[in-house]
Structure formats: C-alpha cells, structure tokens
Amino acid sequence: MVDEDLADLTDDIKAEYANPTIAATLNTLKKQIEAEKQKEYERQKLQIRTALGSEIIRRYYYDEGMIRYSLKNDQFIEKAQEVLNDAILYRKILSGK
C-alpha cells in the first residue's frame, strides 16, 4: 500500500515538477521505507516461519501432524521439559519456595 502510494506520488511530482531535490528526497524516503520493512521482517521472521510451518503441516499431515509440530516447537513445553529434567528446580517449584 505504502509502495503504491509513494510510486503514485513520485509519478505525480515528476509530471508536475522537474525538481531534482524533490526526486532525491523521494529516493531517500523509498530507501528509508525499504530499510524499515526489512527491520520489521527481521523482527517478525520467527513468527512468520512458525505460522508457515504450522500451515504446511496442517495441510499435509492434518491434526496429528499439527500437534506433533506444535509439541516440538512450543516454548512452554521446552521449559516444562527443562523443569522436569532438573530435579532440584522441580522440587523447589513443588515446595512453593
């Protein structure tokens, strides 16, 4: 959406004005937008990968595959396994200390 709007604005400005300063400003803005999009992608990459993996598993392996995939990639289950494998921490949690 932003890309289309910026492209339209660029076309409009080029049609009405032949000012190189404005063109340079628009190019700078395009670069800033691309950099921000890349940062956002990097921030969301794990969530995107997890969502895509879940959807692929769901389509090809149905519910059983989805459950298996979720169990392998669930942070809470990983933490629960850590607690269960650490006898001292397990007793500490059960004692309420």
C-alpha atoms as a PDB file:
ATOM      1  CA  MET A   1       0.000   0.000   0.000  1.00  0.00           C
ATOM      2  CA  VAL A   2       2.697   2.474   1.006  1.00  0.00           C
ATOM      3  CA  ASP A   3       4.789   1.439  -2.008  1.00  0.00           C
ATOM      4  CA  GLU A   4       1.898   2.118  -4.389  1.00  0.00           C
ATOM      5  CA  ASP A   5       1.120   5.458  -2.772  1.00  0.00           C
ATOM      6  CA  LEU A   6       4.750   6.514  -2.924  1.00  0.00           C
ATOM      7  CA  ALA A   7       5.008   5.419  -6.562  1.00  0.00           C
ATOM      8  CA  ASP A   8       1.865   7.420  -7.406  1.00  0.00           C
ATOM      9  CA  LEU A   9       3.235  10.439  -5.570  1.00  0.00           C
ATOM     10  CA  THR A  10       6.558  10.109  -7.391  1.00  0.00           C
ATOM     11  CA  ASP A  11       4.802   9.919 -10.753  1.00  0.00           C
ATOM     12  CA  ASP A  12       2.650  12.949  -9.925  1.00  0.00           C
ATOM     13  CA  ILE A  13       5.606  15.012  -8.800  1.00  0.00           C
ATOM     14  CA  LYS A  14       7.685  14.050 -11.849  1.00  0.00           C
ATOM     15  CA  ALA A  15       4.770  15.049 -14.089  1.00  0.00           C
ATOM     16  CA  GLU A  16       4.293  18.438 -12.426  1.00  0.00           C
ATOM     17  CA  TYR A  17       7.783  19.386 -11.297  1.00  0.00           C
ATOM     18  CA  ALA A  18      11.244  18.804 -12.692  1.00  0.00           C
ATOM     19  CA  ASN A  19      12.989  19.477  -9.403  1.00  0.00           C
ATOM     20  CA  PRO A  20      15.964  17.162  -8.684  1.00  0.00           C
ATOM     21  CA  THR A  21      15.844  17.996  -4.963  1.00  0.00           C
ATOM     22  CA  ILE A  22      12.337  16.594  -4.670  1.00  0.00           C
ATOM     23  CA  ALA A  23      13.344  13.486  -6.628  1.00  0.00           C
ATOM     24  CA  ALA A  24      16.328  12.964  -4.307  1.00  0.00           C
ATOM     25  CA  THR A  25      14.090  13.368  -1.256  1.00  0.00           C
ATOM     26  CA  LEU A  26      11.656  10.796  -2.634  1.00  0.00           C
ATOM     27  CA  ASN A  27      14.505   8.354  -3.304  1.00  0.00           C
ATOM     28  CA  THR A  28      15.734   8.824   0.258  1.00  0.00           C
ATOM     29  CA  LEU A  29      12.218   8.177   1.521  1.00  0.00           C
ATOM     30  CA  LYS A  30      11.978   4.997  -0.580  1.00  0.00           C
ATOM     31  CA  LYS A  31      15.251   3.741   0.904  1.00  0.00           C
ATOM     32  CA  GLN A  32      14.083   4.505   4.433  1.00  0.00           C
ATOM     33  CA  ILE A  33      10.820   2.659   3.852  1.00  0.00           C
ATOM     34  CA  GLU A  34      12.664  -0.378   2.457  1.00  0.00           C
ATOM     35  CA  ALA A  35      15.051  -0.385   5.418  1.00  0.00           C
ATOM     36  CA  GLU A  36      12.123  -0.217   7.843  1.00  0.00           C
ATOM     37  CA  LYS A  37      10.331  -3.050   6.025  1.00  0.00           C
ATOM     38  CA  GLN A  38      13.472  -5.185   6.307  1.00  0.00           C
ATOM     39  CA  LYS A  39      13.778  -4.438  10.055  1.00  0.00           C
ATOM     40  CA  GLU A  40      10.125  -5.373  10.583  1.00  0.00           C
ATOM     41  CA  TYR A  41      10.621  -8.589   8.635  1.00  0.00           C
ATOM     42  CA  GLU A  42      13.614  -9.495  10.809  1.00  0.00           C
ATOM     43  CA  ARG A  43      11.552  -8.797  13.950  1.00  0.00           C
ATOM     44  CA  GLN A  44       8.699 -10.972  12.716  1.00  0.00           C
ATOM     45  CA  LYS A  45      10.746 -13.721  10.994  1.00  0.00           C
ATOM     46  CA  LEU A  46      10.298 -16.352  13.724  1.00  0.00           C
ATOM     47  CA  GLN A  47       6.540 -15.780  13.896  1.00  0.00           C
ATOM     48  CA  ILE A  48       6.275 -15.928  10.100  1.00  0.00           C
ATOM     49  CA  ARG A  49       8.313 -19.125   9.951  1.00  0.00           C
ATOM     50  CA  THR A  50       6.232 -20.721  12.711  1.00  0.00           C
ATOM     51  CA  ALA A  51       2.944 -19.733  11.049  1.00  0.00           C
ATOM     52  CA  LEU A  52       4.080 -21.035   7.656  1.00  0.00           C
ATOM     53  CA  GLY A  53       5.346 -24.268   9.187  1.00  0.00           C
ATOM     54  CA  SER A  54       2.053 -24.760  11.003  1.00  0.00           C
ATOM     55  CA  GLU A  55       0.040 -24.179   7.852  1.00  0.00           C
ATOM     56  CA  ILE A  56       2.165 -26.554   5.776  1.00  0.00           C
ATOM     57  CA  ILE A  57       1.917 -29.259   8.429  1.00  0.00           C
ATOM     58  CA  ARG A  58      -1.826 -28.728   8.760  1.00  0.00           C
ATOM     59  CA  ARG A  59      -2.382 -29.054   5.010  1.00  0.00           C
ATOM     60  CA  TYR A  60      -0.281 -32.163   4.515  1.00  0.00           C
ATOM     61  CA  TYR A  61      -0.433 -34.021   7.818  1.00  0.00           C
ATOM     62  CA  TYR A  62      -3.707 -32.766   9.275  1.00  0.00           C
ATOM     63  CA  ASP A  63      -4.335 -32.567  13.009  1.00  0.00           C
ATOM     64  CA  GLU A  64      -1.894 -35.255  14.138  1.00  0.00           C
ATOM     65  CA  GLY A  65       0.961 -33.611  12.280  1.00  0.00           C
ATOM     66  CA  MET A  66      -0.034 -30.219  13.627  1.00  0.00           C
ATOM     67  CA  ILE A  67       0.020 -31.487  17.198  1.00  0.00           C
ATOM     68  CA  ARG A  68       3.430 -33.108  16.709  1.00  0.00           C
ATOM     69  CA  TYR A  69       4.815 -29.935  15.139  1.00  0.00           C
ATOM     70  CA  SER A  70       3.398 -27.806  17.944  1.00  0.00           C
ATOM     71  CA  LEU A  71       4.896 -30.048  20.599  1.00  0.00           C
ATOM     72  CA  LYS A  72       8.353 -29.783  19.017  1.00  0.00           C
ATOM     73  CA  ASN A  73       8.260 -26.002  18.665  1.00  0.00           C
ATOM     74  CA  ASP A  74       6.390 -24.878  21.787  1.00  0.00           C
ATOM     75  CA  GLN A  75       8.433 -22.731  24.207  1.00  0.00           C
ATOM     76  CA  PHE A  76       6.250 -23.709  27.165  1.00  0.00           C
ATOM     77  CA  ILE A  77       6.766 -27.392  26.531  1.00  0.00           C
ATOM     78  CA  GLU A  78      10.520 -26.842  26.197  1.00  0.00           C
ATOM     79  CA  LYS A  79      10.531 -25.038  29.557  1.00  0.00           C
ATOM     80  CA  ALA A  80       8.407 -27.789  31.135  1.00  0.00           C
ATOM     81  CA  GLN A  81      10.896 -30.393  29.906  1.00  0.00           C
ATOM     82  CA  GLU A  82      13.745 -28.375  31.422  1.00  0.00           C
ATOM     83  CA  VAL A  83      11.949 -28.265  34.772  1.00  0.00           C
ATOM     84  CA  LEU A  84      11.157 -31.976  34.685  1.00  0.00           C
ATOM     85  CA  ASN A  85      14.771 -32.798  33.880  1.00  0.00           C
ATOM     86  CA  ASP A  86      16.117 -30.619  36.731  1.00  0.00           C
ATOM     87  CA  ALA A  87      15.231 -32.434  39.966  1.00  0.00           C
ATOM     88  CA  ILE A  88      16.300 -29.538  42.203  1.00  0.00           C
ATOM     89  CA  LEU A  89      14.226 -26.972  40.327  1.00  0.00           C
ATOM     90  CA  TYR A  90      11.295 -29.414  40.178  1.00  0.00           C
ATOM     91  CA  ARG A  91      11.320 -29.905  43.976  1.00  0.00           C
ATOM     92  CA  LYS A  92      11.718 -26.171  44.539  1.00  0.00           C
ATOM     93  CA  ILE A  93       8.640 -25.409  42.431  1.00  0.00           C
ATOM     94  CA  LEU A  94       6.590 -28.109  44.153  1.00  0.00           C
ATOM     95  CA  SER A  95       7.597 -26.872  47.594  1.00  0.00           C
ATOM     96  CA  GLY A  96       6.445 -23.348  46.708  1.00  0.00           C
ATOM     97  CA  LYS A  97       9.771 -21.695  47.580  1.00  0.00           C
END
